[in-house]
N, C-alpha and C. Protein backbone atom coordinates (compact mmCIF):
# COMPACT_ATOMS: atom_id res chain seq x y z
N MET A 1 -103.50 -72.14 -5.09
CA MET A 1 -103.90 -70.78 -5.43
C MET A 1 -103.39 -70.40 -6.82
N THR A 2 -104.23 -69.69 -7.57
CA THR A 2 -103.83 -69.20 -8.88
C THR A 2 -103.84 -67.68 -8.86
N LEU A 3 -102.73 -67.09 -9.31
CA LEU A 3 -102.58 -65.64 -9.35
C LEU A 3 -102.58 -65.19 -10.80
N SER A 4 -103.49 -64.27 -11.13
CA SER A 4 -103.58 -63.75 -12.50
C SER A 4 -103.40 -62.24 -12.49
N TRP A 5 -102.71 -61.73 -13.51
CA TRP A 5 -102.56 -60.28 -13.68
C TRP A 5 -103.54 -59.82 -14.74
N LEU A 6 -104.36 -58.83 -14.40
CA LEU A 6 -105.37 -58.33 -15.33
C LEU A 6 -104.94 -57.02 -15.98
N GLY A 7 -103.68 -56.63 -15.76
CA GLY A 7 -103.13 -55.40 -16.30
C GLY A 7 -102.95 -54.35 -15.23
N HIS A 8 -102.00 -53.44 -15.46
CA HIS A 8 -101.71 -52.32 -14.56
C HIS A 8 -101.34 -52.84 -13.16
N SER A 9 -102.17 -52.57 -12.13
CA SER A 9 -101.88 -53.07 -10.78
C SER A 9 -102.94 -54.06 -10.31
N CYS A 10 -103.74 -54.55 -11.25
CA CYS A 10 -104.88 -55.40 -10.91
C CYS A 10 -104.53 -56.88 -10.97
N PHE A 11 -104.78 -57.56 -9.86
CA PHE A 11 -104.52 -59.00 -9.76
C PHE A 11 -105.74 -59.71 -9.20
N ARG A 12 -105.90 -60.96 -9.63
CA ARG A 12 -106.94 -61.82 -9.06
C ARG A 12 -106.28 -63.03 -8.41
N LEU A 13 -106.64 -63.29 -7.14
CA LEU A 13 -106.19 -64.47 -6.42
C LEU A 13 -107.37 -65.42 -6.33
N GLU A 14 -107.20 -66.62 -6.86
CA GLU A 14 -108.29 -67.59 -6.86
C GLU A 14 -107.89 -68.83 -6.08
N GLY A 15 -108.69 -69.12 -5.07
CA GLY A 15 -108.48 -70.32 -4.28
C GLY A 15 -109.58 -71.33 -4.54
N LYS A 16 -109.65 -72.31 -3.69
CA LYS A 16 -110.67 -73.35 -3.87
C LYS A 16 -112.07 -72.81 -3.62
N GLU A 17 -112.19 -71.85 -2.68
CA GLU A 17 -113.52 -71.37 -2.32
C GLU A 17 -113.68 -69.85 -2.42
N VAL A 18 -112.57 -69.14 -2.49
CA VAL A 18 -112.62 -67.67 -2.43
C VAL A 18 -111.82 -67.06 -3.57
N SER A 19 -112.34 -65.95 -4.10
CA SER A 19 -111.62 -65.17 -5.12
C SER A 19 -111.45 -63.74 -4.61
N LEU A 20 -110.25 -63.21 -4.78
CA LEU A 20 -109.93 -61.87 -4.28
C LEU A 20 -109.36 -61.04 -5.42
N LEU A 21 -109.84 -59.79 -5.56
CA LEU A 21 -109.41 -58.89 -6.63
C LEU A 21 -108.75 -57.66 -6.02
N ILE A 22 -107.61 -57.26 -6.57
CA ILE A 22 -106.89 -56.09 -6.07
C ILE A 22 -106.82 -55.02 -7.14
N ASP A 23 -107.19 -53.80 -6.79
CA ASP A 23 -107.07 -52.61 -7.63
C ASP A 23 -107.69 -52.72 -9.03
N PRO A 24 -109.00 -52.99 -9.10
CA PRO A 24 -109.66 -52.97 -10.42
C PRO A 24 -109.68 -51.56 -10.99
N PHE A 25 -109.40 -51.44 -12.28
CA PHE A 25 -109.24 -50.12 -12.91
C PHE A 25 -110.40 -49.79 -13.84
N SER A 26 -110.50 -48.51 -14.18
CA SER A 26 -111.49 -48.03 -15.14
C SER A 26 -111.00 -48.28 -16.56
N LYS A 27 -111.92 -48.46 -17.48
CA LYS A 27 -111.56 -48.63 -18.89
C LYS A 27 -110.89 -47.38 -19.46
N ASP A 28 -110.99 -46.27 -18.73
CA ASP A 28 -110.40 -45.01 -19.20
C ASP A 28 -108.87 -45.07 -19.30
N ILE A 29 -108.26 -46.08 -18.70
CA ILE A 29 -106.79 -46.18 -18.80
C ILE A 29 -106.36 -46.81 -20.12
N GLY A 30 -107.34 -47.27 -20.90
CA GLY A 30 -107.01 -47.84 -22.21
C GLY A 30 -107.06 -49.35 -22.26
N LEU A 31 -107.19 -50.00 -21.10
CA LEU A 31 -107.26 -51.46 -21.04
C LEU A 31 -108.68 -51.90 -20.76
N ARG A 32 -108.98 -53.13 -21.05
CA ARG A 32 -110.31 -53.67 -20.79
C ARG A 32 -110.50 -53.82 -19.28
N ALA A 33 -111.50 -53.14 -18.74
CA ALA A 33 -111.74 -53.20 -17.30
C ALA A 33 -112.13 -54.62 -16.88
N PRO A 34 -111.62 -55.09 -15.75
CA PRO A 34 -111.94 -56.45 -15.31
C PRO A 34 -113.41 -56.60 -14.92
N ARG A 35 -113.97 -57.75 -15.21
CA ARG A 35 -115.32 -58.07 -14.74
C ARG A 35 -115.20 -58.54 -13.30
N ILE A 36 -115.94 -57.90 -12.42
CA ILE A 36 -115.79 -58.19 -11.00
C ILE A 36 -116.73 -59.32 -10.60
N LYS A 37 -116.14 -60.43 -10.22
CA LYS A 37 -116.91 -61.63 -9.84
C LYS A 37 -116.43 -62.17 -8.49
N ASP A 38 -115.71 -61.32 -7.75
CA ASP A 38 -114.96 -61.78 -6.59
C ASP A 38 -115.67 -61.45 -5.27
N GLN A 39 -115.44 -62.29 -4.27
CA GLN A 39 -116.05 -62.07 -2.96
C GLN A 39 -115.34 -60.97 -2.17
N ILE A 40 -114.04 -60.77 -2.46
CA ILE A 40 -113.25 -59.76 -1.74
C ILE A 40 -112.58 -58.85 -2.75
N ILE A 41 -112.66 -57.54 -2.52
CA ILE A 41 -112.03 -56.55 -3.40
C ILE A 41 -111.20 -55.60 -2.55
N LEU A 42 -109.95 -55.45 -2.90
CA LEU A 42 -109.05 -54.54 -2.19
C LEU A 42 -108.75 -53.33 -3.07
N VAL A 43 -108.84 -52.14 -2.47
CA VAL A 43 -108.53 -50.89 -3.17
C VAL A 43 -107.41 -50.20 -2.42
N THR A 44 -106.29 -49.96 -3.09
CA THR A 44 -105.13 -49.38 -2.40
C THR A 44 -105.26 -47.87 -2.23
N HIS A 45 -105.98 -47.21 -3.15
CA HIS A 45 -106.20 -45.76 -3.05
C HIS A 45 -107.25 -45.35 -4.07
N ASP A 46 -107.82 -44.16 -3.86
CA ASP A 46 -108.96 -43.75 -4.68
C ASP A 46 -108.57 -42.95 -5.91
N HIS A 47 -107.87 -43.61 -6.83
CA HIS A 47 -107.62 -43.06 -8.16
C HIS A 47 -108.28 -44.00 -9.17
N TYR A 48 -108.73 -43.41 -10.29
CA TYR A 48 -109.57 -44.17 -11.23
C TYR A 48 -108.89 -45.41 -11.82
N ASP A 49 -107.57 -45.44 -11.76
CA ASP A 49 -106.87 -46.62 -12.30
C ASP A 49 -106.65 -47.70 -11.24
N HIS A 50 -107.34 -47.55 -10.09
CA HIS A 50 -107.20 -48.53 -9.01
C HIS A 50 -108.49 -48.81 -8.24
N ASN A 51 -109.53 -48.01 -8.43
CA ASN A 51 -110.69 -48.12 -7.52
C ASN A 51 -112.04 -48.33 -8.22
N ASN A 52 -112.02 -48.95 -9.38
CA ASN A 52 -113.28 -49.15 -10.11
C ASN A 52 -114.01 -50.40 -9.61
N THR A 53 -114.84 -50.22 -8.58
CA THR A 53 -115.58 -51.35 -8.02
C THR A 53 -117.00 -51.46 -8.59
N GLU A 54 -117.27 -50.69 -9.63
CA GLU A 54 -118.59 -50.74 -10.27
C GLU A 54 -118.87 -52.13 -10.79
N GLY A 55 -120.02 -52.64 -10.45
CA GLY A 55 -120.38 -53.99 -10.90
C GLY A 55 -120.15 -55.06 -9.86
N ALA A 56 -119.57 -54.68 -8.72
CA ALA A 56 -119.35 -55.65 -7.65
C ALA A 56 -120.69 -56.14 -7.12
N GLU A 57 -120.76 -57.42 -6.81
CA GLU A 57 -122.01 -57.99 -6.31
C GLU A 57 -122.29 -57.46 -4.90
N ALA A 58 -123.55 -57.47 -4.54
CA ALA A 58 -123.99 -56.90 -3.26
C ALA A 58 -123.30 -57.56 -2.06
N GLY A 59 -123.01 -58.83 -2.19
CA GLY A 59 -122.39 -59.54 -1.06
C GLY A 59 -120.89 -59.44 -1.00
N SER A 60 -120.28 -58.76 -1.96
CA SER A 60 -118.82 -58.65 -1.99
C SER A 60 -118.33 -57.72 -0.87
N MET A 61 -117.17 -58.05 -0.32
CA MET A 61 -116.55 -57.22 0.71
C MET A 61 -115.52 -56.32 0.04
N ILE A 62 -115.75 -54.99 0.10
CA ILE A 62 -114.79 -54.03 -0.48
C ILE A 62 -114.00 -53.42 0.66
N ILE A 63 -112.69 -53.57 0.60
CA ILE A 63 -111.79 -53.04 1.63
C ILE A 63 -110.99 -51.91 1.03
N ASN A 64 -111.06 -50.75 1.66
CA ASN A 64 -110.40 -49.56 1.12
C ASN A 64 -109.74 -48.79 2.26
N GLY A 65 -108.54 -49.22 2.67
CA GLY A 65 -107.83 -48.50 3.71
C GLY A 65 -107.16 -49.40 4.73
N PRO A 66 -106.33 -48.80 5.57
CA PRO A 66 -105.57 -49.56 6.58
C PRO A 66 -106.48 -50.24 7.60
N GLY A 67 -105.95 -51.29 8.22
CA GLY A 67 -106.67 -52.02 9.25
C GLY A 67 -106.46 -53.50 9.10
N GLU A 68 -107.06 -54.26 10.01
CA GLU A 68 -106.99 -55.72 9.97
C GLU A 68 -108.37 -56.28 9.66
N TYR A 69 -108.41 -57.24 8.76
CA TYR A 69 -109.67 -57.80 8.30
C TYR A 69 -109.54 -59.32 8.16
N GLU A 70 -110.64 -60.00 8.35
CA GLU A 70 -110.69 -61.43 8.04
C GLU A 70 -112.01 -61.71 7.34
N VAL A 71 -111.92 -62.17 6.11
CA VAL A 71 -113.10 -62.41 5.29
C VAL A 71 -113.01 -63.80 4.70
N LYS A 72 -113.99 -64.64 5.00
CA LYS A 72 -114.07 -65.99 4.43
C LYS A 72 -112.75 -66.75 4.60
N GLY A 73 -112.14 -66.61 5.76
CA GLY A 73 -110.92 -67.35 6.07
C GLY A 73 -109.64 -66.73 5.52
N VAL A 74 -109.77 -65.57 4.86
CA VAL A 74 -108.60 -64.88 4.32
C VAL A 74 -108.24 -63.73 5.27
N TYR A 75 -107.02 -63.74 5.78
CA TYR A 75 -106.57 -62.67 6.67
C TYR A 75 -105.93 -61.56 5.82
N ILE A 76 -106.36 -60.33 6.06
CA ILE A 76 -105.89 -59.18 5.27
C ILE A 76 -105.46 -58.07 6.21
N GLN A 77 -104.33 -57.47 5.93
CA GLN A 77 -103.87 -56.33 6.70
C GLN A 77 -103.56 -55.17 5.77
N GLY A 78 -104.11 -54.00 6.05
CA GLY A 78 -103.80 -52.79 5.29
C GLY A 78 -102.81 -51.94 6.05
N VAL A 79 -101.66 -51.71 5.45
CA VAL A 79 -100.58 -50.95 6.08
C VAL A 79 -100.56 -49.54 5.48
N PRO A 80 -100.67 -48.48 6.29
CA PRO A 80 -100.65 -47.12 5.75
C PRO A 80 -99.30 -46.75 5.15
N SER A 81 -99.36 -46.06 4.01
CA SER A 81 -98.14 -45.61 3.33
C SER A 81 -98.51 -44.38 2.50
N PHE A 82 -97.56 -43.91 1.68
CA PHE A 82 -97.80 -42.70 0.89
C PHE A 82 -97.58 -42.94 -0.60
N HIS A 83 -98.34 -42.19 -1.40
CA HIS A 83 -98.29 -42.28 -2.86
C HIS A 83 -97.12 -41.46 -3.42
N ASP A 84 -96.43 -40.75 -2.56
CA ASP A 84 -95.28 -39.94 -2.99
C ASP A 84 -94.22 -40.00 -1.89
N ASN A 85 -93.13 -39.28 -2.09
CA ASN A 85 -92.04 -39.31 -1.12
C ASN A 85 -92.04 -38.08 -0.21
N ILE A 86 -93.20 -37.37 -0.16
CA ILE A 86 -93.31 -36.19 0.70
C ILE A 86 -94.56 -36.32 1.58
N ASN A 87 -94.67 -37.52 2.19
CA ASN A 87 -95.73 -37.80 3.16
C ASN A 87 -97.15 -37.55 2.63
N GLY A 88 -97.34 -37.83 1.35
CA GLY A 88 -98.66 -37.74 0.75
C GLY A 88 -99.10 -36.35 0.34
N ALA A 89 -98.21 -35.36 0.47
CA ALA A 89 -98.58 -33.97 0.15
C ALA A 89 -98.94 -33.78 -1.32
N GLU A 90 -98.37 -34.58 -2.19
CA GLU A 90 -98.62 -34.44 -3.63
C GLU A 90 -99.72 -35.37 -4.13
N ARG A 91 -99.68 -36.64 -3.75
CA ARG A 91 -100.63 -37.61 -4.31
C ARG A 91 -101.47 -38.33 -3.26
N GLY A 92 -101.29 -38.03 -2.00
CA GLY A 92 -102.14 -38.59 -0.97
C GLY A 92 -101.67 -39.92 -0.41
N PRO A 93 -102.56 -40.60 0.31
CA PRO A 93 -102.21 -41.86 0.95
C PRO A 93 -102.29 -43.05 0.01
N ASN A 94 -101.69 -44.14 0.44
CA ASN A 94 -101.71 -45.41 -0.29
C ASN A 94 -101.73 -46.52 0.76
N THR A 95 -102.47 -47.57 0.49
CA THR A 95 -102.50 -48.70 1.42
C THR A 95 -101.76 -49.88 0.82
N ILE A 96 -100.78 -50.38 1.57
CA ILE A 96 -100.10 -51.63 1.24
C ILE A 96 -100.94 -52.76 1.84
N TYR A 97 -101.26 -53.77 1.06
CA TYR A 97 -102.03 -54.90 1.60
C TYR A 97 -101.17 -56.15 1.69
N THR A 98 -101.25 -56.80 2.85
CA THR A 98 -100.70 -58.15 2.98
C THR A 98 -101.87 -59.10 3.18
N THR A 99 -101.79 -60.25 2.58
CA THR A 99 -102.86 -61.23 2.72
C THR A 99 -102.26 -62.61 2.98
N LYS A 100 -102.98 -63.39 3.74
CA LYS A 100 -102.62 -64.80 3.96
C LYS A 100 -103.68 -65.60 3.23
N PHE A 101 -103.29 -66.20 2.13
CA PHE A 101 -104.24 -66.85 1.23
C PHE A 101 -103.77 -68.27 0.97
N GLU A 102 -104.53 -69.25 1.50
CA GLU A 102 -104.17 -70.66 1.34
C GLU A 102 -102.70 -70.92 1.69
N GLU A 103 -102.30 -70.43 2.85
CA GLU A 103 -100.96 -70.61 3.42
C GLU A 103 -99.86 -69.84 2.69
N ILE A 104 -100.24 -69.00 1.72
CA ILE A 104 -99.26 -68.17 1.01
C ILE A 104 -99.39 -66.73 1.50
N SER A 105 -98.26 -66.11 1.84
CA SER A 105 -98.26 -64.71 2.27
C SER A 105 -97.97 -63.83 1.06
N LEU A 106 -98.90 -62.93 0.76
CA LEU A 106 -98.75 -62.04 -0.40
C LEU A 106 -98.76 -60.60 0.06
N CYS A 107 -98.03 -59.75 -0.68
CA CYS A 107 -98.00 -58.32 -0.39
C CYS A 107 -98.15 -57.54 -1.69
N HIS A 108 -99.11 -56.62 -1.72
CA HIS A 108 -99.35 -55.76 -2.87
C HIS A 108 -99.05 -54.34 -2.41
N LEU A 109 -98.07 -53.69 -3.04
CA LEU A 109 -97.61 -52.38 -2.58
C LEU A 109 -98.45 -51.22 -3.09
N GLY A 110 -99.44 -51.48 -3.95
CA GLY A 110 -100.25 -50.39 -4.47
C GLY A 110 -99.40 -49.39 -5.23
N ASP A 111 -99.77 -48.12 -5.13
CA ASP A 111 -98.98 -47.06 -5.78
C ASP A 111 -98.00 -46.45 -4.78
N LEU A 112 -97.15 -47.27 -4.25
CA LEU A 112 -96.18 -46.79 -3.28
C LEU A 112 -95.25 -45.77 -3.93
N GLY A 113 -95.12 -44.61 -3.27
CA GLY A 113 -94.23 -43.57 -3.79
C GLY A 113 -93.04 -43.29 -2.89
N GLN A 114 -93.03 -43.90 -1.72
CA GLN A 114 -91.90 -43.72 -0.79
C GLN A 114 -90.66 -44.39 -1.36
N GLU A 115 -89.52 -43.71 -1.31
CA GLU A 115 -88.31 -44.31 -1.85
C GLU A 115 -87.79 -45.44 -0.95
N SER A 116 -88.27 -45.49 0.29
CA SER A 116 -87.95 -46.61 1.17
C SER A 116 -89.06 -46.73 2.21
N LEU A 117 -89.18 -47.91 2.79
CA LEU A 117 -90.15 -48.15 3.85
C LEU A 117 -89.53 -47.81 5.19
N ASP A 118 -90.36 -47.38 6.14
CA ASP A 118 -89.82 -47.17 7.48
C ASP A 118 -89.88 -48.48 8.27
N GLU A 119 -89.26 -48.51 9.44
CA GLU A 119 -89.15 -49.75 10.22
C GLU A 119 -90.52 -50.31 10.60
N LYS A 120 -91.45 -49.42 10.95
CA LYS A 120 -92.78 -49.89 11.34
C LYS A 120 -93.49 -50.57 10.18
N GLN A 121 -93.37 -50.00 8.98
CA GLN A 121 -93.99 -50.60 7.80
C GLN A 121 -93.39 -51.97 7.51
N VAL A 122 -92.08 -52.07 7.59
CA VAL A 122 -91.41 -53.35 7.35
C VAL A 122 -91.88 -54.40 8.35
N ASP A 123 -92.00 -54.01 9.62
CA ASP A 123 -92.46 -54.93 10.66
C ASP A 123 -93.90 -55.38 10.41
N LEU A 124 -94.76 -54.45 10.03
CA LEU A 124 -96.16 -54.79 9.77
C LEU A 124 -96.31 -55.71 8.55
N ILE A 125 -95.49 -55.46 7.54
CA ILE A 125 -95.54 -56.30 6.34
C ILE A 125 -95.08 -57.72 6.66
N GLY A 126 -94.02 -57.85 7.44
CA GLY A 126 -93.56 -59.16 7.88
C GLY A 126 -92.97 -60.02 6.77
N ASP A 127 -93.05 -61.32 6.96
CA ASP A 127 -92.52 -62.28 5.98
C ASP A 127 -93.44 -62.36 4.77
N VAL A 128 -92.85 -62.28 3.59
CA VAL A 128 -93.64 -62.25 2.35
C VAL A 128 -93.16 -63.34 1.40
N ASP A 129 -94.11 -64.14 0.91
CA ASP A 129 -93.78 -65.14 -0.11
C ASP A 129 -93.81 -64.50 -1.50
N VAL A 130 -94.87 -63.75 -1.79
CA VAL A 130 -95.06 -63.15 -3.12
C VAL A 130 -95.26 -61.65 -2.98
N LEU A 131 -94.41 -60.87 -3.66
CA LEU A 131 -94.49 -59.41 -3.61
C LEU A 131 -94.87 -58.85 -4.97
N MET A 132 -95.93 -58.06 -5.01
CA MET A 132 -96.35 -57.35 -6.22
C MET A 132 -95.90 -55.90 -6.07
N VAL A 133 -94.98 -55.47 -6.93
CA VAL A 133 -94.28 -54.20 -6.72
C VAL A 133 -94.37 -53.30 -7.95
N PRO A 134 -94.75 -52.01 -7.78
CA PRO A 134 -94.77 -51.08 -8.93
C PRO A 134 -93.35 -50.74 -9.33
N VAL A 135 -93.11 -50.64 -10.64
CA VAL A 135 -91.73 -50.40 -11.12
C VAL A 135 -91.66 -49.31 -12.19
N GLY A 136 -92.82 -48.74 -12.59
CA GLY A 136 -92.86 -47.84 -13.73
C GLY A 136 -92.49 -46.39 -13.47
N GLY A 137 -92.24 -46.03 -12.19
CA GLY A 137 -91.83 -44.67 -11.89
C GLY A 137 -92.90 -43.63 -12.20
N LYS A 138 -92.49 -42.36 -12.24
CA LYS A 138 -93.33 -41.18 -12.53
C LYS A 138 -94.38 -40.93 -11.44
N TYR A 139 -95.23 -41.91 -11.17
CA TYR A 139 -96.26 -41.75 -10.15
C TYR A 139 -95.99 -42.64 -8.92
N THR A 140 -95.03 -43.52 -9.05
CA THR A 140 -94.68 -44.45 -7.97
C THR A 140 -93.16 -44.57 -7.90
N ILE A 141 -92.70 -45.51 -7.11
CA ILE A 141 -91.27 -45.81 -7.10
C ILE A 141 -90.84 -46.26 -8.49
N ASP A 142 -89.58 -45.99 -8.81
CA ASP A 142 -89.05 -46.41 -10.11
C ASP A 142 -88.26 -47.71 -9.96
N ALA A 143 -87.56 -48.10 -11.00
CA ALA A 143 -86.86 -49.39 -11.01
C ALA A 143 -85.85 -49.50 -9.88
N LYS A 144 -85.01 -48.48 -9.70
CA LYS A 144 -83.98 -48.53 -8.66
C LYS A 144 -84.59 -48.55 -7.27
N GLU A 145 -85.62 -47.73 -7.06
CA GLU A 145 -86.28 -47.69 -5.75
C GLU A 145 -87.00 -49.01 -5.47
N ALA A 146 -87.56 -49.62 -6.51
CA ALA A 146 -88.24 -50.90 -6.35
C ALA A 146 -87.26 -51.97 -5.86
N VAL A 147 -86.06 -51.97 -6.43
CA VAL A 147 -85.04 -52.95 -6.00
C VAL A 147 -84.68 -52.71 -4.53
N LYS A 148 -84.62 -51.46 -4.12
CA LYS A 148 -84.33 -51.13 -2.72
C LYS A 148 -85.43 -51.64 -1.79
N ILE A 149 -86.68 -51.42 -2.19
CA ILE A 149 -87.81 -51.89 -1.40
C ILE A 149 -87.82 -53.41 -1.31
N ILE A 150 -87.53 -54.06 -2.42
CA ILE A 150 -87.45 -55.53 -2.44
C ILE A 150 -86.41 -56.01 -1.43
N GLY A 151 -85.29 -55.29 -1.35
CA GLY A 151 -84.25 -55.63 -0.39
C GLY A 151 -84.71 -55.48 1.05
N GLN A 152 -85.62 -54.55 1.30
CA GLN A 152 -86.15 -54.38 2.65
C GLN A 152 -87.13 -55.50 3.02
N ILE A 153 -87.93 -55.94 2.04
CA ILE A 153 -88.96 -56.94 2.31
C ILE A 153 -88.43 -58.37 2.20
N GLU A 154 -87.52 -58.59 1.27
CA GLU A 154 -86.91 -59.91 1.02
C GLU A 154 -87.95 -61.00 0.75
N PRO A 155 -88.77 -60.82 -0.28
CA PRO A 155 -89.76 -61.85 -0.62
C PRO A 155 -89.10 -63.04 -1.30
N LYS A 156 -89.85 -64.10 -1.43
CA LYS A 156 -89.36 -65.27 -2.16
C LYS A 156 -89.62 -65.13 -3.67
N ILE A 157 -90.70 -64.42 -4.00
CA ILE A 157 -91.10 -64.26 -5.40
C ILE A 157 -91.46 -62.79 -5.64
N ILE A 158 -90.99 -62.23 -6.76
CA ILE A 158 -91.28 -60.85 -7.14
C ILE A 158 -92.14 -60.85 -8.40
N ILE A 159 -93.19 -60.03 -8.40
CA ILE A 159 -94.00 -59.83 -9.61
C ILE A 159 -94.11 -58.33 -9.85
N PRO A 160 -93.47 -57.80 -10.91
CA PRO A 160 -93.58 -56.37 -11.20
C PRO A 160 -94.94 -56.00 -11.75
N MET A 161 -95.35 -54.74 -11.51
CA MET A 161 -96.64 -54.24 -11.99
C MET A 161 -96.52 -52.73 -12.20
N HIS A 162 -97.61 -52.12 -12.68
CA HIS A 162 -97.70 -50.67 -12.84
C HIS A 162 -96.53 -50.13 -13.68
N TYR A 163 -96.43 -50.68 -14.89
CA TYR A 163 -95.44 -50.22 -15.86
C TYR A 163 -96.10 -50.12 -17.24
N LYS A 164 -95.40 -49.53 -18.17
CA LYS A 164 -95.95 -49.29 -19.50
C LYS A 164 -96.21 -50.59 -20.25
N THR A 165 -97.45 -50.73 -20.74
CA THR A 165 -97.81 -51.88 -21.56
C THR A 165 -98.60 -51.38 -22.77
N PRO A 166 -98.74 -52.19 -23.83
CA PRO A 166 -99.48 -51.75 -25.00
C PRO A 166 -100.90 -51.31 -24.63
N ASP A 167 -101.35 -50.21 -25.23
CA ASP A 167 -102.68 -49.64 -25.05
C ASP A 167 -102.87 -48.85 -23.75
N LEU A 168 -101.96 -48.97 -22.81
CA LEU A 168 -102.09 -48.21 -21.57
C LEU A 168 -101.88 -46.73 -21.85
N LYS A 169 -102.85 -45.91 -21.44
CA LYS A 169 -102.79 -44.47 -21.72
C LYS A 169 -101.99 -43.69 -20.67
N ILE A 170 -101.58 -44.34 -19.60
CA ILE A 170 -100.82 -43.67 -18.54
C ILE A 170 -99.33 -43.75 -18.88
N ASP A 171 -98.65 -42.63 -18.75
CA ASP A 171 -97.24 -42.54 -19.13
C ASP A 171 -96.36 -43.12 -18.03
N LEU A 172 -95.84 -44.31 -18.26
CA LEU A 172 -94.96 -44.99 -17.31
C LEU A 172 -93.73 -45.54 -18.03
N GLU A 173 -92.72 -45.89 -17.25
CA GLU A 173 -91.54 -46.54 -17.83
C GLU A 173 -91.86 -48.01 -18.12
N PRO A 174 -91.24 -48.58 -19.16
CA PRO A 174 -91.44 -50.01 -19.41
C PRO A 174 -90.75 -50.86 -18.36
N VAL A 175 -91.05 -52.15 -18.36
CA VAL A 175 -90.51 -53.05 -17.34
C VAL A 175 -89.01 -53.33 -17.54
N ASP A 176 -88.50 -53.05 -18.75
CA ASP A 176 -87.10 -53.40 -19.07
C ASP A 176 -86.10 -52.81 -18.09
N LYS A 177 -86.31 -51.58 -17.67
CA LYS A 177 -85.38 -50.95 -16.73
C LYS A 177 -85.31 -51.71 -15.42
N PHE A 178 -86.46 -52.15 -14.96
CA PHE A 178 -86.49 -52.91 -13.72
C PHE A 178 -85.79 -54.25 -13.89
N LEU A 179 -85.99 -54.91 -15.01
CA LEU A 179 -85.35 -56.21 -15.23
C LEU A 179 -83.83 -56.08 -15.19
N LYS A 180 -83.30 -54.98 -15.72
CA LYS A 180 -81.85 -54.75 -15.68
C LYS A 180 -81.39 -54.48 -14.26
N GLU A 181 -82.17 -53.69 -13.53
CA GLU A 181 -81.79 -53.32 -12.16
C GLU A 181 -81.82 -54.51 -11.20
N VAL A 182 -82.84 -55.35 -11.33
CA VAL A 182 -83.00 -56.43 -10.37
C VAL A 182 -82.04 -57.59 -10.64
N GLY A 183 -81.61 -57.73 -11.90
CA GLY A 183 -80.58 -58.72 -12.22
C GLY A 183 -81.01 -60.17 -12.13
N LEU A 184 -82.30 -60.45 -12.28
CA LEU A 184 -82.79 -61.82 -12.28
C LEU A 184 -83.43 -62.14 -13.62
N VAL A 185 -83.31 -63.38 -14.03
CA VAL A 185 -83.93 -63.81 -15.29
C VAL A 185 -85.39 -64.15 -15.01
N PRO A 186 -86.33 -63.46 -15.66
CA PRO A 186 -87.74 -63.69 -15.36
C PRO A 186 -88.28 -64.98 -15.95
N GLU A 187 -89.22 -65.57 -15.23
CA GLU A 187 -90.01 -66.67 -15.77
C GLU A 187 -91.31 -66.06 -16.28
N LYS A 188 -91.60 -66.24 -17.56
CA LYS A 188 -92.77 -65.62 -18.16
C LYS A 188 -93.93 -66.62 -18.21
N MET A 189 -95.12 -66.16 -17.81
CA MET A 189 -96.28 -67.04 -17.83
C MET A 189 -97.56 -66.22 -17.84
N GLU A 190 -98.68 -66.87 -18.17
CA GLU A 190 -99.97 -66.19 -18.20
C GLU A 190 -100.63 -66.20 -16.83
N LYS A 191 -100.58 -67.33 -16.16
CA LYS A 191 -101.12 -67.46 -14.80
C LYS A 191 -100.09 -68.16 -13.94
N PHE A 192 -100.09 -67.81 -12.67
CA PHE A 192 -99.09 -68.34 -11.76
C PHE A 192 -99.79 -69.21 -10.71
N LYS A 193 -99.59 -70.51 -10.79
CA LYS A 193 -100.16 -71.43 -9.81
C LYS A 193 -99.11 -71.72 -8.75
N ILE A 194 -99.48 -71.55 -7.50
CA ILE A 194 -98.50 -71.65 -6.44
C ILE A 194 -99.10 -72.31 -5.19
N THR A 195 -98.28 -73.13 -4.55
CA THR A 195 -98.63 -73.73 -3.27
C THR A 195 -97.46 -73.53 -2.33
N GLN A 196 -97.68 -73.81 -1.06
CA GLN A 196 -96.62 -73.69 -0.07
C GLN A 196 -95.43 -74.58 -0.44
N LYS A 197 -95.72 -75.74 -0.99
CA LYS A 197 -94.66 -76.71 -1.34
C LYS A 197 -93.81 -76.26 -2.51
N THR A 198 -94.38 -75.42 -3.40
CA THR A 198 -93.63 -75.02 -4.59
C THR A 198 -92.91 -73.67 -4.43
N LEU A 199 -92.96 -73.09 -3.25
CA LEU A 199 -92.24 -71.84 -3.02
C LEU A 199 -90.73 -72.07 -3.11
N PRO A 200 -89.99 -71.13 -3.70
CA PRO A 200 -88.53 -71.27 -3.73
C PRO A 200 -87.95 -71.22 -2.32
N GLN A 201 -86.98 -72.05 -2.05
CA GLN A 201 -86.41 -72.14 -0.70
C GLN A 201 -85.15 -71.32 -0.52
N GLU A 202 -84.44 -71.04 -1.61
CA GLU A 202 -83.17 -70.33 -1.48
C GLU A 202 -83.14 -69.05 -2.32
N GLU A 203 -83.04 -69.19 -3.61
CA GLU A 203 -82.91 -68.00 -4.46
C GLU A 203 -84.25 -67.34 -4.73
N MET A 204 -84.24 -66.01 -4.79
CA MET A 204 -85.42 -65.23 -5.12
C MET A 204 -85.82 -65.48 -6.57
N LYS A 205 -87.13 -65.54 -6.83
CA LYS A 205 -87.62 -65.82 -8.18
C LYS A 205 -88.37 -64.60 -8.71
N LEU A 206 -88.20 -64.31 -10.00
CA LEU A 206 -88.89 -63.19 -10.67
C LEU A 206 -89.89 -63.75 -11.68
N ILE A 207 -91.16 -63.38 -11.50
CA ILE A 207 -92.22 -63.85 -12.39
C ILE A 207 -92.73 -62.65 -13.20
N LEU A 208 -92.81 -62.82 -14.52
CA LEU A 208 -93.34 -61.79 -15.40
C LEU A 208 -94.64 -62.32 -16.00
N LEU A 209 -95.76 -61.75 -15.54
CA LEU A 209 -97.06 -62.23 -16.00
C LEU A 209 -97.54 -61.43 -17.21
N SER A 210 -98.37 -62.06 -18.02
CA SER A 210 -99.01 -61.38 -19.15
C SER A 210 -100.52 -61.37 -18.90
N TYR A 211 -101.23 -60.50 -19.61
CA TYR A 211 -102.69 -60.44 -19.44
C TYR A 211 -103.39 -60.47 -20.78
């Protein structure tokens, strides 16, 4: 499986037969909107920087909300959560997605705003190999809260997202604060190729992707 970051909270998972896209954004955020060529599209919530499915092919499966799904051999679970720390009163709901993709368990937290997960959410998320976590604060959890959430999930690999990058018009904190808080030396790369055999067995790994 190859994992690519397309900017903001948007990732593409490419396997031998299936491609999955998470949180495609509008060009209005200042970045080049991704070209949608994927069979499966996940939307964590209906904000313009996460739900731009325009251009999706007619046969594509668009998943937008909690529930259990299986598409082309990929198991997907949407876990209900909130975009803020006051039960969605300010920014509404958010869906955390877990996927089983070519024997790799991945979790994308979307625009999680809760400062911590509750026990039911942790149980539903389960064991995670790769965690994609927002760290830019302001609209989501910040660096310190992200580290707390990581401690609850205990993934093998962490990939930060939803932070300030060049040309992004949304006001977020840069990734530097998170890097200091998490205390791990990042491995920087453009694309992340991963198999079950190459997963870290002991120490947690931090991957910093570029787009």
